[in-house]
Amino acid sequence: MIRDRGNIKWTAIMLPEHVAAVKQELINLEKVKKPILDEDRLAEIEMLIHEGMEYNYLLEFKLFKKGFIESIIGHTHFIDYIKKEFRIKDKNDLIHKIPFQKIVDVQKV
């Protein structure tokens, strides 16, 4: 019976810098480009956010952060047009300040 240790035997001869570089490269492979939204989709998102604020809808906000799409579920608490950001209140009553340009999608939950 062959008992091959796979990656374990190779990590022993790799320098820590190499291991870190390989891990970073794997993370970079998972990154995506920021989606470009057309004017119609932006109008739909804006309308949904305003409706969510008026009727207290629970919304899922998808955000683009450093190459990844993150998700926050909560209620629209405030829209700051001067700072160009939304304030979202999540289920734990934490307030998240989200810049307009980071939002890539909004949906009702």
PDB file of N, CA and C in Angstrom:
ATOM      1  N   MET A   1       0.837  -1.176   0.000  1.00  0.00           N
ATOM      2  CA  MET A   1       0.000   0.000   0.000  1.00  0.00           C
ATOM      3  C   MET A   1       0.886   1.245   0.000  1.00  0.00           C
ATOM      4  N   ILE A   2       0.581   2.175  -0.873  1.00  0.00           N
ATOM      5  CA  ILE A   2       1.348   3.419  -0.973  1.00  0.00           C
ATOM      6  C   ILE A   2       0.684   4.464  -0.082  1.00  0.00           C
ATOM      7  N   ARG A   3       1.491   5.023   0.804  1.00  0.00           N
ATOM      8  CA  ARG A   3       0.964   6.068   1.688  1.00  0.00           C
ATOM      9  C   ARG A   3       1.629   7.386   1.301  1.00  0.00           C
ATOM     10  N   ASP A   4       1.038   8.033   0.317  1.00  0.00           N
ATOM     11  CA  ASP A   4       1.579   9.305  -0.173  1.00  0.00           C
ATOM     12  C   ASP A   4       1.020  10.441   0.677  1.00  0.00           C
ATOM     13  N   ARG A   5       1.888  11.280   1.166  1.00  0.00           N
ATOM     14  CA  ARG A   5       1.450  12.382   2.018  1.00  0.00           C
ATOM     15  C   ARG A   5       1.008  13.600   1.214  1.00  0.00           C
ATOM     16  N   GLY A   6       1.025  13.538  -0.104  1.00  0.00           N
ATOM     17  CA  GLY A   6       0.533  14.627  -0.954  1.00  0.00           C
ATOM     18  C   GLY A   6       1.285  15.926  -0.730  1.00  0.00           C
ATOM     19  N   ASN A   7       0.544  16.980  -0.464  1.00  0.00           N
ATOM     20  CA  ASN A   7       1.128  18.316  -0.310  1.00  0.00           C
ATOM     21  C   ASN A   7       1.977  18.456   0.938  1.00  0.00           C
ATOM     22  N   ILE A   8       1.748  17.615   1.919  1.00  0.00           N
ATOM     23  CA  ILE A   8       2.500  17.735   3.177  1.00  0.00           C
ATOM     24  C   ILE A   8       3.993  17.578   2.929  1.00  0.00           C
ATOM     25  N   LYS A   9       4.372  16.616   2.094  1.00  0.00           N
ATOM     26  CA  LYS A   9       5.803  16.400   1.875  1.00  0.00           C
ATOM     27  C   LYS A   9       6.439  17.572   1.121  1.00  0.00           C
ATOM     28  N   TRP A  10       5.655  18.290   0.299  1.00  0.00           N
ATOM     29  CA  TRP A  10       6.218  19.420  -0.453  1.00  0.00           C
ATOM     30  C   TRP A  10       6.297  20.677   0.400  1.00  0.00           C
ATOM     31  N   THR A  11       5.398  20.855   1.335  1.00  0.00           N
ATOM     32  CA  THR A  11       5.442  22.055   2.154  1.00  0.00           C
ATOM     33  C   THR A  11       6.654  22.061   3.075  1.00  0.00           C
ATOM     34  N   ALA A  12       7.150  20.920   3.394  1.00  0.00           N
ATOM     35  CA  ALA A  12       8.319  20.860   4.275  1.00  0.00           C
ATOM     36  C   ALA A  12       9.550  21.474   3.615  1.00  0.00           C
ATOM     37  N   ILE A  13       9.651  21.387   2.290  1.00  0.00           N
ATOM     38  CA  ILE A  13      10.842  21.936   1.632  1.00  0.00           C
ATOM     39  C   ILE A  13      10.601  23.341   1.077  1.00  0.00           C
ATOM     40  N   MET A  14       9.395  23.885   1.261  1.00  0.00           N
ATOM     41  CA  MET A  14       9.104  25.242   0.786  1.00  0.00           C
ATOM     42  C   MET A  14       9.396  26.251   1.893  1.00  0.00           C
ATOM     43  N   LEU A  15       9.915  27.389   1.501  1.00  0.00           N
ATOM     44  CA  LEU A  15      10.153  28.464   2.459  1.00  0.00           C
ATOM     45  C   LEU A  15       8.823  29.107   2.832  1.00  0.00           C
ATOM     46  N   PRO A  16       8.742  29.681   4.025  1.00  0.00           N
ATOM     47  CA  PRO A  16       7.494  30.334   4.433  1.00  0.00           C
ATOM     48  C   PRO A  16       7.045  31.430   3.454  1.00  0.00           C
ATOM     49  N   GLU A  17       8.014  32.120   2.842  1.00  0.00           N
ATOM     50  CA  GLU A  17       7.686  33.161   1.868  1.00  0.00           C
ATOM     51  C   GLU A  17       6.994  32.558   0.651  1.00  0.00           C
ATOM     52  N   HIS A  18       7.445  31.368   0.255  1.00  0.00           N
ATOM     53  CA  HIS A  18       6.830  30.705  -0.890  1.00  0.00           C
ATOM     54  C   HIS A  18       5.410  30.257  -0.567  1.00  0.00           C
ATOM     55  N   VAL A  19       5.214  29.723   0.633  1.00  0.00           N
ATOM     56  CA  VAL A  19       3.883  29.288   1.053  1.00  0.00           C
ATOM     57  C   VAL A  19       2.934  30.490   1.067  1.00  0.00           C
ATOM     58  N   ALA A  20       3.396  31.629   1.605  1.00  0.00           N
ATOM     59  CA  ALA A  20       2.572  32.835   1.647  1.00  0.00           C
ATOM     60  C   ALA A  20       2.258  33.330   0.241  1.00  0.00           C
ATOM     61  N   ALA A  21       3.232  33.271  -0.661  1.00  0.00           N
ATOM     62  CA  ALA A  21       3.017  33.718  -2.039  1.00  0.00           C
ATOM     63  C   ALA A  21       2.005  32.818  -2.753  1.00  0.00           C
ATOM     64  N   VAL A  22       2.071  31.523  -2.516  1.00  0.00           N
ATOM     65  CA  VAL A  22       1.119  30.591  -3.137  1.00  0.00           C
ATOM     66  C   VAL A  22      -0.287  30.857  -2.608  1.00  0.00           C
ATOM     67  N   LYS A  23      -0.422  31.070  -1.297  1.00  0.00           N
ATOM     68  CA  LYS A  23      -1.736  31.362  -0.717  1.00  0.00           C
ATOM     69  C   LYS A  23      -2.300  32.665  -1.284  1.00  0.00           C
ATOM     70  N   GLN A  24      -1.446  33.685  -1.417  1.00  0.00           N
ATOM     71  CA  GLN A  24      -1.890  34.968  -1.965  1.00  0.00           C
ATOM     72  C   GLN A  24      -2.326  34.810  -3.417  1.00  0.00           C
ATOM     73  N   GLU A  25      -1.616  33.999  -4.179  1.00  0.00           N
ATOM     74  CA  GLU A  25      -1.980  33.772  -5.573  1.00  0.00           C
ATOM     75  C   GLU A  25      -3.320  33.048  -5.683  1.00  0.00           C
ATOM     76  N   LEU A  26      -3.595  32.111  -4.789  1.00  0.00           N
ATOM     77  CA  LEU A  26      -4.890  31.439  -4.781  1.00  0.00           C
ATOM     78  C   LEU A  26      -6.024  32.408  -4.464  1.00  0.00           C
ATOM     79  N   ILE A  27      -5.758  33.349  -3.556  1.00  0.00           N
ATOM     80  CA  ILE A  27      -6.756  34.378  -3.236  1.00  0.00           C
ATOM     81  C   ILE A  27      -6.984  35.274  -4.444  1.00  0.00           C
ATOM     82  N   ASN A  28      -5.909  35.653  -5.139  1.00  0.00           N
ATOM     83  CA  ASN A  28      -6.031  36.519  -6.310  1.00  0.00           C
ATOM     84  C   ASN A  28      -6.816  35.850  -7.433  1.00  0.00           C
ATOM     85  N   LEU A  29      -6.747  34.541  -7.539  1.00  0.00           N
ATOM     86  CA  LEU A  29      -7.487  33.831  -8.581  1.00  0.00           C
ATOM     87  C   LEU A  29      -8.994  33.906  -8.356  1.00  0.00           C
ATOM     88  N   GLU A  30      -9.422  34.058  -7.111  1.00  0.00           N
ATOM     89  CA  GLU A  30     -10.843  34.118  -6.784  1.00  0.00           C
ATOM     90  C   GLU A  30     -11.438  35.508  -6.968  1.00  0.00           C
ATOM     91  N   LYS A  31     -10.612  36.526  -7.143  1.00  0.00           N
ATOM     92  CA  LYS A  31     -11.108  37.890  -7.280  1.00  0.00           C
ATOM     93  C   LYS A  31     -11.851  38.069  -8.598  1.00  0.00           C
ATOM     94  N   VAL A  32     -12.833  38.983  -8.573  1.00  0.00           N
ATOM     95  CA  VAL A  32     -13.618  39.292  -9.768  1.00  0.00           C
ATOM     96  C   VAL A  32     -13.522  40.785 -10.060  1.00  0.00           C
ATOM     97  N   LYS A  33     -13.861  41.160 -11.284  1.00  0.00           N
ATOM     98  CA  LYS A  33     -13.898  42.573 -11.647  1.00  0.00           C
ATOM     99  C   LYS A  33     -15.238  43.160 -11.210  1.00  0.00           C
ATOM    100  N   LYS A  34     -15.226  44.462 -10.952  1.00  0.00           N
ATOM    101  CA  LYS A  34     -16.453  45.126 -10.520  1.00  0.00           C
ATOM    102  C   LYS A  34     -17.455  45.144 -11.670  1.00  0.00           C
ATOM    103  N   PRO A  35     -18.683  44.662 -11.410  1.00  0.00           N
ATOM    104  CA  PRO A  35     -19.707  44.693 -12.452  1.00  0.00           C
ATOM    105  C   PRO A  35     -20.070  46.133 -12.810  1.00  0.00           C
ATOM    106  N   ILE A  36     -20.314  46.369 -14.085  1.00  0.00           N
ATOM    107  CA  ILE A  36     -20.735  47.688 -14.551  1.00  0.00           C
ATOM    108  C   ILE A  36     -22.246  47.664 -14.707  1.00  0.00           C
ATOM    109  N   LEU A  37     -22.924  48.573 -14.015  1.00  0.00           N
ATOM    110  CA  LEU A  37     -24.379  48.624 -14.038  1.00  0.00           C
ATOM    111  C   LEU A  37     -24.853  49.664 -15.040  1.00  0.00           C
ATOM    112  N   ASP A  38     -25.868  49.306 -15.835  1.00  0.00           N
ATOM    113  CA  ASP A  38     -26.419  50.278 -16.772  1.00  0.00           C
ATOM    114  C   ASP A  38     -27.409  51.189 -16.038  1.00  0.00           C
ATOM    115  N   GLU A  39     -27.861  52.231 -16.710  1.00  0.00           N
ATOM    116  CA  GLU A  39     -28.717  53.228 -16.073  1.00  0.00           C
ATOM    117  C   GLU A  39     -30.049  52.645 -15.622  1.00  0.00           C
ATOM    118  N   ASP A  40     -30.605  51.702 -16.383  1.00  0.00           N
ATOM    119  CA  ASP A  40     -31.876  51.088 -15.994  1.00  0.00           C
ATOM    120  C   ASP A  40     -31.744  50.319 -14.688  1.00  0.00           C
ATOM    121  N   ARG A  41     -30.671  49.534 -14.571  1.00  0.00           N
ATOM    122  CA  ARG A  41     -30.457  48.756 -13.343  1.00  0.00           C
ATOM    123  C   ARG A  41     -30.204  49.685 -12.155  1.00  0.00           C
ATOM    124  N   LEU A  42     -29.458  50.778 -12.379  1.00  0.00           N
ATOM    125  CA  LEU A  42     -29.221  51.739 -11.301  1.00  0.00           C
ATOM    126  C   LEU A  42     -30.532  52.365 -10.837  1.00  0.00           C
ATOM    127  N   ALA A  43     -31.433  52.662 -11.769  1.00  0.00           N
ATOM    128  CA  ALA A  43     -32.731  53.230 -11.419  1.00  0.00           C
ATOM    129  C   ALA A  43     -33.561  52.224 -10.615  1.00  0.00           C
ATOM    130  N   GLU A  44     -33.515  50.944 -11.002  1.00  0.00           N
ATOM    131  CA  GLU A  44     -34.242  49.899 -10.263  1.00  0.00           C
ATOM    132  C   GLU A  44     -33.709  49.774  -8.841  1.00  0.00           C
ATOM    133  N   ILE A  45     -32.395  49.789  -8.711  1.00  0.00           N
ATOM    134  CA  ILE A  45     -31.772  49.685  -7.385  1.00  0.00           C
ATOM    135  C   ILE A  45     -32.163  50.875  -6.519  1.00  0.00           C
ATOM    136  N   GLU A  46     -32.101  52.071  -7.096  1.00  0.00           N
ATOM    137  CA  GLU A  46     -32.456  53.280  -6.354  1.00  0.00           C
ATOM    138  C   GLU A  46     -33.914  53.230  -5.887  1.00  0.00           C
ATOM    139  N   MET A  47     -34.820  52.792  -6.781  1.00  0.00           N
ATOM    140  CA  MET A  47     -36.233  52.697  -6.434  1.00  0.00           C
ATOM    141  C   MET A  47     -36.450  51.671  -5.312  1.00  0.00           C
ATOM    142  N   LEU A  48     -35.771  50.542  -5.403  1.00  0.00           N
ATOM    143  CA  LEU A  48     -35.905  49.501  -4.387  1.00  0.00           C
ATOM    144  C   LEU A  48     -35.391  49.978  -3.027  1.00  0.00           C
ATOM    145  N   ILE A  49     -34.305  50.725  -3.030  1.00  0.00           N
ATOM    146  CA  ILE A  49     -33.761  51.250  -1.771  1.00  0.00           C
ATOM    147  C   ILE A  49     -34.734  52.245  -1.147  1.00  0.00           C
ATOM    148  N   HIS A  50     -35.314  53.120  -1.975  1.00  0.00           N
ATOM    149  CA  HIS A  50     -36.281  54.094  -1.458  1.00  0.00           C
ATOM    150  C   HIS A  50     -37.536  53.401  -0.933  1.00  0.00           C
ATOM    151  N   GLU A  51     -38.034  52.391  -1.666  1.00  0.00           N
ATOM    152  CA  GLU A  51     -39.194  51.629  -1.197  1.00  0.00           C
ATOM    153  C   GLU A  51     -38.872  50.896   0.103  1.00  0.00           C
ATOM    154  N   GLY A  52     -37.668  50.339   0.159  1.00  0.00           N
ATOM    155  CA  GLY A  52     -37.241  49.633   1.364  1.00  0.00           C
ATOM    156  C   GLY A  52     -37.199  50.540   2.574  1.00  0.00           C
ATOM    157  N   MET A  53     -36.782  51.782   2.352  1.00  0.00           N
ATOM    158  CA  MET A  53     -36.730  52.732   3.448  1.00  0.00           C
ATOM    159  C   MET A  53     -38.143  53.165   3.857  1.00  0.00           C
ATOM    160  N   GLU A  54     -39.001  53.374   2.873  1.00  0.00           N
ATOM    161  CA  GLU A  54     -40.359  53.832   3.163  1.00  0.00           C
ATOM    162  C   GLU A  54     -41.204  52.750   3.835  1.00  0.00           C
ATOM    163  N   TYR A  55     -41.112  51.508   3.337  1.00  0.00           N
ATOM    164  CA  TYR A  55     -41.954  50.424   3.840  1.00  0.00           C
ATOM    165  C   TYR A  55     -41.222  49.463   4.774  1.00  0.00           C
ATOM    166  N   ASN A  56     -39.992  49.805   5.137  1.00  0.00           N
ATOM    167  CA  ASN A  56     -39.175  49.022   6.065  1.00  0.00           C
ATOM    168  C   ASN A  56     -38.945  47.585   5.568  1.00  0.00           C
ATOM    169  N   TYR A  57     -38.652  47.444   4.271  1.00  0.00           N
ATOM    170  CA  TYR A  57     -38.335  46.138   3.695  1.00  0.00           C
ATOM    171  C   TYR A  57     -36.967  45.675   4.170  1.00  0.00           C
ATOM    172  N   LEU A  58     -36.837  44.373   4.307  1.00  0.00           N
ATOM    173  CA  LEU A  58     -35.539  43.775   4.568  1.00  0.00           C
ATOM    174  C   LEU A  58     -34.874  43.553   3.216  1.00  0.00           C
ATOM    175  N   LEU A  59     -33.699  44.143   3.010  1.00  0.00           N
ATOM    176  CA  LEU A  59     -33.014  44.097   1.719  1.00  0.00           C
ATOM    177  C   LEU A  59     -31.654  43.423   1.851  1.00  0.00           C
ATOM    178  N   GLU A  60     -31.221  42.812   0.761  1.00  0.00           N
ATOM    179  CA  GLU A  60     -29.867  42.260   0.687  1.00  0.00           C
ATOM    180  C   GLU A  60     -29.054  43.156  -0.234  1.00  0.00           C
ATOM    181  N   PHE A  61     -28.016  43.757   0.304  1.00  0.00           N
ATOM    182  CA  PHE A  61     -27.130  44.645  -0.439  1.00  0.00           C
ATOM    183  C   PHE A  61     -25.882  43.862  -0.814  1.00  0.00           C
ATOM    184  N   LYS A  62     -25.568  43.807  -2.104  1.00  0.00           N
ATOM    185  CA  LYS A  62     -24.336  43.165  -2.547  1.00  0.00           C
ATOM    186  C   LYS A  62     -23.332  44.266  -2.853  1.00  0.00           C
ATOM    187  N   LEU A  63     -22.160  44.152  -2.220  1.00  0.00           N
ATOM    188  CA  LEU A  63     -21.143  45.191  -2.285  1.00  0.00           C
ATOM    189  C   LEU A  63     -19.867  44.657  -2.901  1.00  0.00           C
ATOM    190  N   PHE A  64     -19.183  45.513  -3.642  1.00  0.00           N
ATOM    191  CA  PHE A  64     -17.898  45.157  -4.223  1.00  0.00           C
ATOM    192  C   PHE A  64     -16.805  45.726  -3.330  1.00  0.00           C
ATOM    193  N   LYS A  65     -15.989  44.826  -2.752  1.00  0.00           N
ATOM    194  CA  LYS A  65     -14.891  45.248  -1.880  1.00  0.00           C
ATOM    195  C   LYS A  65     -13.624  44.490  -2.245  1.00  0.00           C
ATOM    196  N   LYS A  66     -12.636  45.199  -2.750  1.00  0.00           N
ATOM    197  CA  LYS A  66     -11.308  44.659  -3.038  1.00  0.00           C
ATOM    198  C   LYS A  66     -11.327  43.369  -3.851  1.00  0.00           C
ATOM    199  N   GLY A  67     -12.169  43.326  -4.877  1.00  0.00           N
ATOM    200  CA  GLY A  67     -12.199  42.172  -5.762  1.00  0.00           C
ATOM    201  C   GLY A  67     -13.176  41.087  -5.387  1.00  0.00           C
ATOM    202  N   PHE A  68     -13.935  41.279  -4.325  1.00  0.00           N
ATOM    203  CA  PHE A  68     -14.897  40.281  -3.877  1.00  0.00           C
ATOM    204  C   PHE A  68     -16.273  40.914  -3.728  1.00  0.00           C
ATOM    205  N   ILE A  69     -17.314  40.091  -3.873  1.00  0.00           N
ATOM    206  CA  ILE A  69     -18.687  40.540  -3.672  1.00  0.00           C
ATOM    207  C   ILE A  69     -19.124  40.093  -2.282  1.00  0.00           C
ATOM    208  N   GLU A  70     -19.454  41.056  -1.426  1.00  0.00           N
ATOM    209  CA  GLU A  70     -19.917  40.773  -0.075  1.00  0.00           C
ATOM    210  C   GLU A  70     -21.399  41.103   0.024  1.00  0.00           C
ATOM    211  N   SER A  71     -22.038  40.568   1.021  1.00  0.00           N
ATOM    212  CA  SER A  71     -23.474  40.737   1.167  1.00  0.00           C
ATOM    213  C   SER A  71     -23.809  41.218   2.571  1.00  0.00           C
ATOM    214  N   ILE A  72     -24.706  42.204   2.659  1.00  0.00           N
ATOM    215  CA  ILE A  72     -25.215  42.683   3.944  1.00  0.00           C
ATOM    216  C   ILE A  72     -26.736  42.653   3.854  1.00  0.00           C
ATOM    217  N   ILE A  73     -27.378  42.066   4.849  1.00  0.00           N
ATOM    218  CA  ILE A  73     -28.831  42.030   4.899  1.00  0.00           C
ATOM    219  C   ILE A  73     -29.287  42.961   6.014  1.00  0.00           C
ATOM    220  N   GLY A  74     -30.185  43.892   5.652  1.00  0.00           N
ATOM    221  CA  GLY A  74     -30.669  44.830   6.650  1.00  0.00           C
ATOM    222  C   GLY A  74     -31.693  45.792   6.072  1.00  0.00           C
ATOM    223  N   HIS A  75     -32.002  46.802   6.853  1.00  0.00           N
ATOM    224  CA  HIS A  75     -32.969  47.824   6.475  1.00  0.00           C
ATOM    225  C   HIS A  75     -32.234  49.117   6.122  1.00  0.00           C
ATOM    226  N   THR A  76     -32.757  49.844   5.151  1.00  0.00           N
ATOM    227  CA  THR A  76     -32.192  51.152   4.825  1.00  0.00           C
ATOM    228  C   THR A  76     -32.543  52.096   5.963  1.00  0.00           C
ATOM    229  N   HIS A  77     -31.542  52.602   6.634  1.00  0.00           N
ATOM    230  CA  HIS A  77     -31.748  53.457   7.800  1.00  0.00           C
ATOM    231  C   HIS A  77     -31.726  54.931   7.412  1.00  0.00           C
ATOM    232  N   PHE A  78     -30.802  55.300   6.515  1.00  0.00           N
ATOM    233  CA  PHE A  78     -30.647  56.701   6.123  1.00  0.00           C
ATOM    234  C   PHE A  78     -29.887  56.762   4.803  1.00  0.00           C
ATOM    235  N   ILE A  79     -30.227  57.728   3.979  1.00  0.00           N
ATOM    236  CA  ILE A  79     -29.506  57.976   2.727  1.00  0.00           C
ATOM    237  C   ILE A  79     -28.881  59.360   2.847  1.00  0.00           C
ATOM    238  N   ASP A  80     -27.558  59.406   2.827  1.00  0.00           N
ATOM    239  CA  ASP A  80     -26.820  60.665   2.956  1.00  0.00           C
ATOM    240  C   ASP A  80     -26.333  61.086   1.566  1.00  0.00           C
ATOM    241  N   TYR A  81     -27.025  62.052   0.971  1.00  0.00           N
ATOM    242  CA  TYR A  81     -26.673  62.494  -0.372  1.00  0.00           C
ATOM    243  C   TYR A  81     -25.435  63.377  -0.382  1.00  0.00           C
ATOM    244  N   ILE A  82     -25.110  63.994   0.731  1.00  0.00           N
ATOM    245  CA  ILE A  82     -23.919  64.842   0.797  1.00  0.00           C
ATOM    246  C   ILE A  82     -22.653  63.990   0.815  1.00  0.00           C
ATOM    247  N   LYS A  83     -22.620  62.968   1.687  1.00  0.00           N
ATOM    248  CA  LYS A  83     -21.465  62.069   1.756  1.00  0.00           C
ATOM    249  C   LYS A  83     -21.542  60.940   0.739  1.00  0.00           C
ATOM    250  N   LYS A  84     -22.682  60.835   0.030  1.00  0.00           N
ATOM    251  CA  LYS A  84     -22.924  59.795  -0.970  1.00  0.00           C
ATOM    252  C   LYS A  84     -22.744  58.396  -0.375  1.00  0.00           C
ATOM    253  N   GLU A  85     -23.536  58.148   0.682  1.00  0.00           N
ATOM    254  CA  GLU A  85     -23.489  56.840   1.319  1.00  0.00           C
ATOM    255  C   GLU A  85     -24.856  56.474   1.898  1.00  0.00           C
ATOM    256  N   PHE A  86     -25.076  55.168   2.041  1.00  0.00           N
ATOM    257  CA  PHE A  86     -26.267  54.638   2.690  1.00  0.00           C
ATOM    258  C   PHE A  86     -25.877  54.211   4.084  1.00  0.00           C
ATOM    259  N   ARG A  87     -26.845  54.256   4.971  1.00  0.00           N
ATOM    260  CA  ARG A  87     -26.643  53.675   6.291  1.00  0.00           C
ATOM    261  C   ARG A  87     -27.633  52.521   6.399  1.00  0.00           C
ATOM    262  N   ILE A  88     -27.083  51.338   6.583  1.00  0.00           N
ATOM    263  CA  ILE A  88     -27.870  50.118   6.622  1.00  0.00           C
ATOM    264  C   ILE A  88     -27.846  49.576   8.048  1.00  0.00           C
ATOM    265  N   LYS A  89     -29.023  49.254   8.574  1.00  0.00           N
ATOM    266  CA  LYS A  89     -29.129  48.687   9.926  1.00  0.00           C
ATOM    267  C   LYS A  89     -29.373  47.192   9.775  1.00  0.00           C
ATOM    268  N   ASP A  90     -28.426  46.374  10.266  1.00  0.00           N
ATOM    269  CA  ASP A  90     -28.567  44.918  10.122  1.00  0.00           C
ATOM    270  C   ASP A  90     -29.379  44.330  11.283  1.00  0.00           C
ATOM    271  N   LYS A  91     -29.505  42.989  11.302  1.00  0.00           N
ATOM    272  CA  LYS A  91     -30.340  42.320  12.309  1.00  0.00           C
ATOM    273  C   LYS A  91     -29.802  42.483  13.730  1.00  0.00           C
ATOM    274  N   ASN A  92     -28.513  42.805  13.868  1.00  0.00           N
ATOM    275  CA  ASN A  92     -27.912  43.021  15.186  1.00  0.00           C
ATOM    276  C   ASN A  92     -27.947  44.491  15.595  1.00  0.00           C
ATOM    277  N   ASP A  93     -28.692  45.301  14.845  1.00  0.00           N
ATOM    278  CA  ASP A  93     -28.813  46.747  15.069  1.00  0.00           C
ATOM    279  C   ASP A  93     -27.491  47.495  14.893  1.00  0.00           C
ATOM    280  N   LEU A  94     -26.584  46.931  14.120  1.00  0.00           N
ATOM    281  CA  LEU A  94     -25.351  47.629  13.773  1.00  0.00           C
ATOM    282  C   LEU A  94     -25.600  48.476  12.532  1.00  0.00           C
ATOM    283  N   ILE A  95     -25.034  49.670  12.497  1.00  0.00           N
ATOM    284  CA  ILE A  95     -25.190  50.563  11.355  1.00  0.00           C
ATOM    285  C   ILE A  95     -23.943  50.437  10.478  1.00  0.00           C
ATOM    286  N   HIS A  96     -24.149  50.111   9.192  1.00  0.00           N
ATOM    287  CA  HIS A  96     -23.064  50.024   8.217  1.00  0.00           C
ATOM    288  C   HIS A  96     -23.167  51.221   7.280  1.00  0.00           C
ATOM    289  N   LYS A  97     -22.063  51.940   7.103  1.00  0.00           N
ATOM    290  CA  LYS A  97     -22.035  53.057   6.161  1.00  0.00           C
ATOM    291  C   LYS A  97     -21.483  52.528   4.840  1.00  0.00           C
ATOM    292  N   ILE A  98     -22.319  52.554   3.812  1.00  0.00           N
ATOM    293  CA  ILE A  98     -21.970  51.986   2.513  1.00  0.00           C
ATOM    294  C   ILE A  98     -21.917  53.095   1.470  1.00  0.00           C
ATOM    295  N   PRO A  99     -20.747  53.347   0.866  1.00  0.00           N
ATOM    296  CA  PRO A  99     -20.685  54.334  -0.229  1.00  0.00           C
ATOM    297  C   PRO A  99     -21.515  53.883  -1.428  1.00  0.00           C
ATOM    298  N   PHE A 100     -22.135  54.838  -2.110  1.00  0.00           N
ATOM    299  CA  PHE A 100     -22.976  54.530  -3.272  1.00  0.00           C
ATOM    300  C   PHE A 100     -22.246  53.656  -4.282  1.00  0.00           C
ATOM    301  N   GLN A 101     -20.990  53.979  -4.585  1.00  0.00           N
ATOM    302  CA  GLN A 101     -20.274  53.302  -5.673  1.00  0.00           C
ATOM    303  C   GLN A 101     -19.914  51.854  -5.360  1.00  0.00           C
ATOM    304  N   LYS A 102     -20.036  51.408  -4.108  1.00  0.00           N
ATOM    305  CA  LYS A 102     -19.709  50.023  -3.775  1.00  0.00           C
ATOM    306  C   LYS A 102     -20.874  49.061  -4.000  1.00  0.00           C
ATOM    307  N   ILE A 103     -22.082  49.584  -4.152  1.00  0.00           N
ATOM    308  CA  ILE A 103     -23.256  48.724  -4.318  1.00  0.00           C
ATOM    309  C   ILE A 103     -23.327  48.219  -5.756  1.00  0.00           C
ATOM    310  N   VAL A 104     -23.442  46.893  -5.908  1.00  0.00           N
ATOM    311  CA  VAL A 104     -23.554  46.285  -7.240  1.00  0.00           C
ATOM    312  C   VAL A 104     -24.915  45.647  -7.448  1.00  0.00           C
ATOM    313  N   ASP A 105     -25.662  45.381  -6.357  1.00  0.00           N
ATOM    314  CA  ASP A 105     -27.000  44.823  -6.501  1.00  0.00           C
ATOM    315  C   ASP A 105     -27.760  44.942  -5.188  1.00  0.00           C
ATOM    316  N   VAL A 106     -29.084  45.056  -5.288  1.00  0.00           N
ATOM    317  CA  VAL A 106     -29.957  45.099  -4.127  1.00  0.00           C
ATOM    318  C   VAL A 106     -31.178  44.247  -4.457  1.00  0.00           C
ATOM    319  N   GLN A 107     -31.590  43.412  -3.487  1.00  0.00           N
ATOM    320  CA  GLN A 107     -32.766  42.563  -3.686  1.00  0.00           C
ATOM    321  C   GLN A 107     -33.559  42.494  -2.396  1.00  0.00           C
ATOM    322  N   LYS A 108     -34.874  42.263  -2.519  1.00  0.00           N
ATOM    323  CA  LYS A 108     -35.713  42.033  -1.345  1.00  0.00           C
ATOM    324  C   LYS A 108     -35.415  40.642  -0.790  1.00  0.00           C
ATOM    325  N   VAL A 109     -35.483  40.545   0.523  1.00  0.00           N
ATOM    326  CA  VAL A 109     -35.265  39.239   1.167  1.00  0.00           C
ATOM    327  C   VAL A 109     -36.607  38.653   1.534  1.00  0.00           C
TER     328      VAL A 109
END
